[in-house]
Amino acid sequence: FLFMMSKRSRELNLSRAGRGVWLLKVPKYLSEAWKSSDPGVDLGVISISQMTIGNMKVSFSLADELRSSQQKKTGAVGHSSQAPTLPVEHRMVVAPQAGMRQSLCVFSEDESGELCAEGRVTQRADIQPVSSSCYMKLKRYQIREASKTKFTVQSLKKTPVTSYKPVADHRENIIHQQHRKEAGKRARADRETVLDLLFTAFQQHQYYNFKDLVHKTQQPHVYLKELLKEIAVYSKKMPHKNMWELKPEYRNYKPSPDKTLS
């Protein structure tokens, strides 16, 4: 029988496909104990007793060998910091077969990669712990472990290489402040010299924003704005909003008939 998986064909062993198997839902602590058990160790005993016709009482008892092996792995019992022993007695809630509408199968894969059909699910059941002092101790331990923080405070003997020491000011801020100081300390050039620079600039373009004119003339903002008010007008309307243009008497080009300046 060929089984399609990961876009490639693999052989599937169907020698045990006719067996009936149970699908069990178990608590997390029981699942972890089964996974960490040694090969060949009995996991537990299932007891079935029929009380009435069609009514079964099913219970599960954890194997003593598995329980003792878990005690050795978690440490000696009796210390509050160690995990308590696992509960032994459990009840099994068996689902009625009439409610099993799905047809499920169980597959396994060995170390060599061989796939095998272990059987068809004929019964579902939930394994639930019985309320006891042993189970209550286990729950208290699980709650304490879940509430513990994953982060711990450690004292560092050496300063880590990747650490960042606090600084009074960052390099980018210092450079920005220097640029502002340099802009504020610009010396005023002669009035006629600045006007020549402005007229030369407006010969190249009709409209300029104030920032570009500061860059071209290298003059203080207040001084440059005083000279601009003498020879240019500031537009407050689209399409040249916030731009400067020469006054009509200083222009050497014909203005557009639909142009309106405020």
Protein backbone atom coordinates (compact mmCIF):
# COMPACT_ATOMS: atom_id res chain seq x y z
CA PHE A 1 0.00 0.00 0.00
CA LEU A 2 1.43 3.41 -1.01
CA PHE A 3 0.98 6.38 1.31
CA MET A 4 1.36 9.89 -0.17
CA MET A 5 3.24 12.22 2.21
CA SER A 6 5.38 15.30 1.51
CA LYS A 7 4.82 14.90 -2.25
CA ARG A 8 6.51 11.47 -2.33
CA SER A 9 5.23 7.90 -2.13
CA ARG A 10 6.06 5.77 0.89
CA GLU A 11 5.18 2.17 1.73
CA LEU A 12 2.64 1.68 4.51
CA ASN A 13 2.56 -1.50 6.60
CA LEU A 14 -1.06 -2.65 7.04
CA SER A 15 -0.39 -5.83 8.99
CA ARG A 16 -1.96 -4.35 12.16
CA ALA A 17 -4.54 -2.11 10.47
CA GLY A 18 -7.44 -4.36 11.53
CA ARG A 19 -6.87 -3.90 15.26
CA GLY A 20 -9.21 -1.81 17.37
CA VAL A 21 -7.47 0.89 19.43
CA TRP A 22 -8.60 3.44 22.02
CA LEU A 23 -8.05 7.18 21.64
CA LEU A 24 -7.29 8.62 25.08
CA LYS A 25 -7.12 12.23 26.27
CA VAL A 26 -4.84 12.39 29.31
CA PRO A 27 -3.67 15.18 31.68
CA LYS A 28 -0.40 16.92 30.85
CA TYR A 29 1.52 15.48 33.82
CA LEU A 30 0.47 11.97 32.79
CA SER A 31 1.47 12.54 29.18
CA GLU A 32 4.91 13.83 30.24
CA ALA A 33 5.41 10.82 32.51
CA TRP A 34 4.59 8.43 29.68
CA LYS A 35 6.91 10.20 27.25
CA SER A 36 9.84 10.15 29.67
CA SER A 37 9.32 6.52 30.72
CA ASP A 38 11.90 3.85 29.89
CA PRO A 39 11.17 1.38 27.09
CA GLY A 40 9.23 -1.69 28.22
CA VAL A 41 7.85 -0.11 31.40
CA ASP A 42 4.15 -0.69 32.13
CA LEU A 43 2.22 2.57 32.02
CA GLY A 44 -0.74 1.50 34.10
CA VAL A 45 -3.77 -0.76 34.44
CA ILE A 46 -7.26 -0.19 33.06
CA SER A 47 -10.11 -1.75 35.03
CA ILE A 48 -13.54 -2.21 33.41
CA SER A 49 -16.60 -3.23 35.39
CA GLN A 50 -20.13 -3.32 33.98
CA MET A 51 -22.56 -1.92 36.53
CA THR A 52 -25.71 -2.14 34.41
CA ILE A 53 -26.55 -3.13 30.87
CA GLY A 54 -24.86 -0.62 28.57
CA ASN A 55 -23.23 1.22 31.49
CA MET A 56 -19.54 0.61 32.21
CA LYS A 57 -17.30 1.92 34.98
CA VAL A 58 -13.75 2.33 33.75
CA SER A 59 -10.79 3.39 35.88
CA PHE A 60 -7.06 3.77 35.31
CA SER A 61 -4.30 3.17 37.87
CA LEU A 62 -0.80 4.48 37.28
CA ALA A 63 1.84 1.75 37.42
CA ASP A 64 3.96 1.73 40.59
CA GLU A 65 7.14 1.19 38.58
CA LEU A 66 6.46 4.28 36.49
CA ARG A 67 5.53 6.29 39.58
CA SER A 68 8.74 5.35 41.39
CA SER A 69 10.86 6.14 38.36
CA GLN A 70 9.30 9.62 38.22
CA GLN A 71 10.16 10.12 41.90
CA LYS A 72 13.83 9.36 41.21
CA LYS A 73 13.89 11.84 38.33
CA THR A 74 12.25 14.68 40.26
CA GLY A 75 14.23 14.10 43.47
CA ALA A 76 13.39 13.10 47.00
CA VAL A 77 9.83 13.63 48.19
CA GLY A 78 9.17 15.86 51.17
CA HIS A 79 10.93 19.05 50.11
CA SER A 80 8.67 21.93 49.16
CA SER A 81 10.88 22.81 46.17
CA GLN A 82 10.58 19.32 44.67
CA ALA A 83 7.68 18.04 42.58
CA PRO A 84 5.22 15.85 44.52
CA THR A 85 4.36 12.30 43.56
CA LEU A 86 1.89 11.66 40.76
CA PRO A 87 -1.68 10.58 41.56
CA VAL A 88 -2.35 6.87 41.15
CA GLU A 89 -6.11 6.58 40.74
CA HIS A 90 -7.89 8.09 37.74
CA ARG A 91 -11.34 7.76 36.30
CA MET A 92 -12.02 7.22 32.62
CA VAL A 93 -14.98 8.90 30.96
CA VAL A 94 -15.81 6.73 27.95
CA ALA A 95 -17.55 8.42 25.05
CA PRO A 96 -20.57 6.59 23.63
CA GLN A 97 -19.85 4.81 20.37
CA ALA A 98 -22.98 6.29 18.86
CA GLY A 99 -21.32 9.71 18.92
CA MET A 100 -18.28 8.54 16.95
CA ARG A 101 -19.12 9.79 13.48
CA GLN A 102 -15.53 10.04 12.27
CA SER A 103 -13.45 7.10 11.16
CA LEU A 104 -9.96 7.56 12.63
CA CYS A 105 -6.81 5.51 12.27
CA VAL A 106 -3.53 5.53 14.21
CA PHE A 107 -0.20 5.58 12.36
CA SER A 108 3.35 5.17 13.62
CA GLU A 109 6.83 5.68 12.21
CA ASP A 110 9.95 3.90 13.40
CA GLU A 111 13.55 5.12 13.32
CA SER A 112 14.08 3.70 9.84
CA GLY A 113 11.19 5.79 8.52
CA GLU A 114 8.78 2.88 7.97
CA LEU A 115 5.13 3.83 8.33
CA CYS A 116 2.70 1.46 9.94
CA ALA A 117 -1.07 1.53 10.49
CA GLU A 118 -1.52 0.58 14.14
CA GLY A 119 -5.28 0.18 14.01
CA ARG A 120 -8.65 1.86 13.79
CA VAL A 121 -10.05 3.96 16.63
CA THR A 122 -12.99 2.06 18.10
CA GLN A 123 -13.37 3.94 21.40
CA ARG A 124 -12.65 7.40 22.82
CA ALA A 125 -12.10 8.18 26.48
CA ASP A 126 -10.85 10.92 28.80
CA ILE A 127 -8.57 10.07 31.72
CA GLN A 128 -9.34 12.43 34.61
CA PRO A 129 -7.65 12.58 38.02
CA VAL A 130 -9.63 11.75 41.13
CA SER A 131 -9.81 14.55 43.68
CA SER A 132 -7.34 13.60 46.42
CA SER A 133 -4.68 15.14 48.65
CA CYS A 134 -1.97 13.87 46.27
CA TYR A 135 -3.59 15.59 43.31
CA MET A 136 -4.11 18.83 45.26
CA LYS A 137 -0.39 18.90 46.15
CA LEU A 138 0.47 18.42 42.50
CA LYS A 139 -1.81 21.30 41.42
CA ARG A 140 -0.36 23.64 44.07
CA TYR A 141 3.13 22.79 42.84
CA GLN A 142 2.15 23.45 39.20
CA ILE A 143 0.61 26.83 40.14
CA ARG A 144 3.76 27.87 42.04
CA GLU A 145 5.99 26.86 39.13
CA ALA A 146 3.82 28.73 36.62
CA SER A 147 3.92 31.92 38.73
CA LYS A 148 7.72 31.96 38.97
CA THR A 149 9.36 34.58 36.78
CA LYS A 150 11.69 33.45 34.04
CA PHE A 151 14.04 36.40 34.62
CA THR A 152 16.53 36.58 37.47
CA VAL A 153 18.68 39.44 38.76
CA GLN A 154 22.41 38.81 38.48
CA SER A 155 25.38 40.78 39.69
CA LEU A 156 27.81 41.48 36.84
CA LYS A 157 31.48 41.51 37.74
CA LYS A 158 32.54 42.93 34.39
CA THR A 159 30.73 45.50 32.31
CA PRO A 160 29.36 43.86 29.13
CA VAL A 161 31.01 44.97 25.93
CA THR A 162 27.68 45.62 24.23
CA SER A 163 26.36 47.90 26.98
CA TYR A 164 25.73 51.58 26.34
CA LYS A 165 26.81 54.14 28.90
CA PRO A 166 24.62 57.20 29.43
CA VAL A 167 25.76 60.38 27.68
CA ALA A 168 24.86 63.99 28.29
CA ASP A 169 23.91 64.52 24.66
CA HIS A 170 23.95 62.47 21.49
CA ARG A 171 26.28 63.17 18.59
CA GLU A 172 23.45 63.98 16.18
CA ASN A 173 22.04 66.60 18.56
CA ILE A 174 25.46 68.21 19.03
CA ILE A 175 25.98 68.51 15.25
CA HIS A 176 22.51 70.01 14.84
CA GLN A 177 23.16 72.60 17.54
CA GLN A 178 26.48 73.51 15.93
CA HIS A 179 24.78 74.08 12.60
CA ARG A 180 22.21 76.33 14.25
CA LYS A 181 24.92 78.36 15.97
CA GLU A 182 26.84 78.75 12.73
CA ALA A 183 23.68 79.91 10.96
CA GLY A 184 23.01 82.45 13.71
CA LYS A 185 26.56 83.84 13.58
CA ARG A 186 26.50 84.58 9.86
CA ALA A 187 27.97 88.01 9.22
CA ARG A 188 25.84 90.49 7.38
CA ALA A 189 27.20 91.23 3.94
CA ASP A 190 26.91 94.58 2.24
CA ARG A 191 23.35 95.43 1.21
CA GLU A 192 24.19 95.84 -2.48
CA THR A 193 26.08 92.53 -2.49
CA VAL A 194 23.12 90.64 -1.08
CA LEU A 195 20.73 92.30 -3.52
CA ASP A 196 22.97 91.28 -6.42
CA LEU A 197 22.87 87.68 -5.17
CA LEU A 198 19.08 87.78 -4.94
CA PHE A 199 18.63 89.27 -8.43
CA THR A 200 21.02 86.66 -9.86
CA ALA A 201 19.02 83.91 -8.19
CA PHE A 202 15.67 85.20 -9.51
CA GLN A 203 17.13 85.30 -13.03
CA GLN A 204 17.49 81.52 -12.81
CA HIS A 205 14.06 80.78 -11.29
CA GLN A 206 10.91 82.83 -10.90
CA TYR A 207 9.90 81.45 -7.50
CA TYR A 208 11.97 80.54 -4.43
CA ASN A 209 11.18 79.42 -0.94
CA PHE A 210 12.92 81.20 1.91
CA LYS A 211 15.13 78.24 2.82
CA ASP A 212 16.70 78.12 -0.64
CA LEU A 213 17.42 81.85 -0.60
CA VAL A 214 19.13 81.54 2.78
CA HIS A 215 21.30 78.79 1.34
CA LYS A 216 22.23 80.87 -1.71
CA THR A 217 23.01 84.12 0.12
CA GLN A 218 24.32 82.70 3.44
CA GLN A 219 22.76 85.61 5.32
CA PRO A 220 20.96 85.79 8.67
CA HIS A 221 17.24 85.13 8.45
CA VAL A 222 16.07 88.47 9.82
CA TYR A 223 18.43 90.50 7.61
CA LEU A 224 17.53 88.53 4.47
CA LYS A 225 13.80 88.87 5.08
CA GLU A 226 14.16 92.67 5.41
CA LEU A 227 15.80 92.87 1.98
CA LEU A 228 13.29 90.50 0.41
CA LYS A 229 10.39 92.68 1.50
CA GLU A 230 11.95 95.54 -0.49
CA ILE A 231 12.29 93.71 -3.81
CA ALA A 232 9.98 90.69 -3.64
CA VAL A 233 6.46 89.63 -2.71
CA TYR A 234 5.36 86.61 -0.69
CA SER A 235 2.64 84.44 -2.21
CA LYS A 236 -0.03 83.06 0.11
CA LYS A 237 -2.15 81.39 -2.56
CA MET A 238 -1.75 78.31 -4.68
CA PRO A 239 -0.08 77.21 -6.87
CA HIS A 240 3.01 79.03 -5.49
CA LYS A 241 2.04 79.21 -1.86
CA ASN A 242 4.83 80.16 0.60
CA MET A 243 7.12 81.20 -2.27
CA TRP A 244 8.90 84.50 -3.00
CA GLU A 245 8.79 86.33 -6.36
CA LEU A 246 10.27 89.64 -7.52
CA LYS A 247 8.02 92.67 -7.49
CA PRO A 248 6.71 93.69 -10.95
CA GLU A 249 9.07 96.65 -11.19
CA TYR A 250 12.11 94.38 -10.80
CA ARG A 251 11.04 91.65 -13.20
CA ASN A 252 12.58 91.31 -16.64
CA TYR A 253 9.87 88.89 -17.86
CA LYS A 254 6.22 89.32 -18.68
CA PRO A 255 3.92 88.15 -15.90
CA SER A 256 1.14 85.71 -16.67
CA PRO A 257 -2.26 87.42 -17.13
CA ASP A 258 -4.01 84.98 -14.74
CA LYS A 259 -1.39 85.36 -12.02
CA THR A 260 -2.61 86.92 -8.77
CA LEU A 261 -0.31 87.83 -5.89
CA SER A 262 -1.30 89.01 -2.45
